[in-house]
Protein backbone atom coordinates (compact mmCIF):
# COMPACT_ATOMS: atom_id res chain seq x y z
CA MET A 1 -37.45 -4.37 -2.59
CA GLN A 2 -34.91 -1.90 -3.89
CA LYS A 3 -31.67 -3.01 -5.55
CA PHE A 4 -28.61 -1.14 -4.30
CA LYS A 5 -25.32 -0.63 -6.11
CA ILE A 6 -23.32 -1.13 -2.90
CA MET A 7 -22.95 -4.73 -1.76
CA ALA A 8 -21.51 -6.57 1.22
CA GLY A 9 -17.73 -6.83 0.86
CA ASP A 10 -17.29 -3.51 -0.95
CA VAL A 11 -14.94 -0.86 0.42
CA VAL A 12 -16.79 2.43 0.91
CA VAL A 13 -16.04 5.97 2.07
CA ILE A 14 -18.37 7.93 4.35
CA THR A 15 -19.45 11.12 2.55
CA THR A 16 -21.35 13.01 5.29
CA GLY A 17 -21.74 13.15 9.05
CA LYS A 18 -19.32 12.88 11.93
CA HIS A 19 -17.46 9.97 10.30
CA LYS A 20 -16.91 11.80 6.99
CA GLY A 21 -13.77 10.62 5.16
CA LYS A 22 -13.43 7.27 6.94
CA THR A 23 -13.26 4.14 4.83
CA GLY A 24 -14.26 0.60 5.67
CA LYS A 25 -15.60 -2.67 4.36
CA VAL A 26 -19.38 -3.16 4.18
CA LEU A 27 -20.33 -5.97 6.54
CA LYS A 28 -24.04 -6.09 5.77
CA VAL A 29 -26.65 -4.27 3.69
CA LEU A 30 -30.00 -3.82 5.43
CA GLN A 31 -32.26 -3.47 2.37
CA ASP A 32 -35.54 -2.94 4.23
CA LYS A 33 -34.12 0.02 6.18
CA GLN A 34 -31.84 1.29 3.35
CA ARG A 35 -28.81 1.17 5.65
CA VAL A 36 -25.37 -0.46 5.73
CA LEU A 37 -23.03 -1.69 8.45
CA VAL A 38 -19.45 -0.54 7.82
CA GLU A 39 -16.54 -2.21 9.59
CA LYS A 40 -14.99 -0.06 12.38
CA VAL A 41 -17.14 3.00 11.52
CA ASN A 42 -19.94 4.38 13.73
CA VAL A 43 -19.00 2.10 16.65
CA VAL A 44 -21.36 2.33 19.62
CA LYS A 45 -21.21 0.86 23.13
CA ARG A 46 -24.07 -1.23 24.51
CA GLN A 47 -24.62 -2.66 27.97
CA VAL A 48 -25.65 -6.33 27.75
CA LYS A 49 -26.91 -8.72 30.36
CA PRO A 50 -25.03 -11.98 30.90
CA THR A 51 -26.36 -15.11 29.20
CA ALA A 52 -25.25 -18.73 29.12
CA GLU A 53 -23.08 -18.06 26.04
CA ARG A 54 -21.42 -14.76 27.04
CA ALA A 55 -20.59 -12.64 30.02
CA GLY A 56 -22.38 -9.36 30.58
CA GLY A 57 -20.81 -5.94 30.35
CA THR A 58 -20.04 -3.35 27.73
CA VAL A 59 -20.01 -4.50 24.10
CA GLU A 60 -18.82 -2.38 21.17
CA LYS A 61 -20.50 -2.93 17.81
CA GLU A 62 -21.08 -1.11 14.55
CA ALA A 63 -24.28 0.88 14.12
CA SER A 64 -25.86 1.29 10.72
CA ILE A 65 -25.38 4.26 8.38
CA HIS A 66 -27.87 5.32 5.71
CA ILE A 67 -26.80 4.05 2.30
CA SER A 68 -27.01 7.56 0.80
CA ASN A 69 -24.15 8.65 3.09
CA VAL A 70 -21.61 6.19 1.64
CA ALA A 71 -19.88 5.89 -1.74
CA LEU A 72 -17.83 3.11 -3.26
CA TRP A 73 -14.07 3.71 -2.79
CA ASN A 74 -11.38 2.98 -5.36
CA GLU A 75 -8.24 2.25 -3.35
CA GLU A 76 -5.79 2.42 -6.30
CA GLU A 77 -6.92 5.87 -7.44
CA LYS A 78 -7.86 7.15 -3.95
CA ARG A 79 -11.27 8.45 -5.06
CA SER A 80 -14.96 7.70 -4.68
CA VAL A 81 -16.68 5.95 -7.57
CA LYS A 82 -20.07 6.57 -9.15
CA ILE A 83 -21.58 3.22 -10.08
CA GLY A 84 -23.92 2.22 -12.88
CA TRP A 85 -25.39 -1.00 -14.25
CA LYS A 86 -24.88 -2.40 -17.75
CA ARG A 87 -24.74 -5.71 -19.60
CA ASP A 88 -21.38 -7.24 -20.48
CA ASP A 89 -20.56 -9.17 -23.66
CA ASP A 90 -22.08 -12.39 -22.26
CA GLY A 91 -25.34 -10.62 -21.32
CA ASN A 92 -24.66 -10.61 -17.59
CA LYS A 93 -25.64 -7.56 -15.53
CA VAL A 94 -22.48 -5.96 -14.06
CA ARG A 95 -21.54 -2.81 -12.17
CA PHE A 96 -19.25 -0.27 -13.83
CA ASP A 97 -17.41 2.94 -12.97
CA LYS A 98 -19.26 5.78 -14.70
CA SER A 99 -16.15 7.95 -15.16
CA THR A 100 -13.84 5.30 -16.65
CA ASN A 101 -16.38 2.69 -17.90
CA ALA A 102 -14.30 -0.01 -16.17
CA ILE A 103 -16.25 -3.06 -15.00
CA LEU A 104 -16.09 -3.44 -11.22
CA PRO A 105 -15.27 -6.88 -9.80
CA ARG A 106 -18.10 -8.56 -7.90
CA ARG A 107 -17.07 -8.64 -4.22
CA GLY A 108 -20.61 -8.62 -2.87
CA ALA A 109 -22.55 -11.44 -1.32
């Protein structure tokens, strides 16, 4: 299984496609399919049948986006971030910003 640099809880920007430029929080990373669910981006409508728990009708939910079409977003500097891996002083594996060498906080799940 592949290890991705983008994790659930990160804020990302869409780099290509019809949602280019939109930002949102990653809800879930689908590692097997190499896709991510981004909050309030790529929203689709689905018709669902009624069940005991919910009424039927039209439901809006996020569809997945390929992970290569998103980049980590730095809100303070208003720019996308290239991410790398390195070991910190304690020997822990951490993510860092390749342009500034700043260690990124772990928001992921």
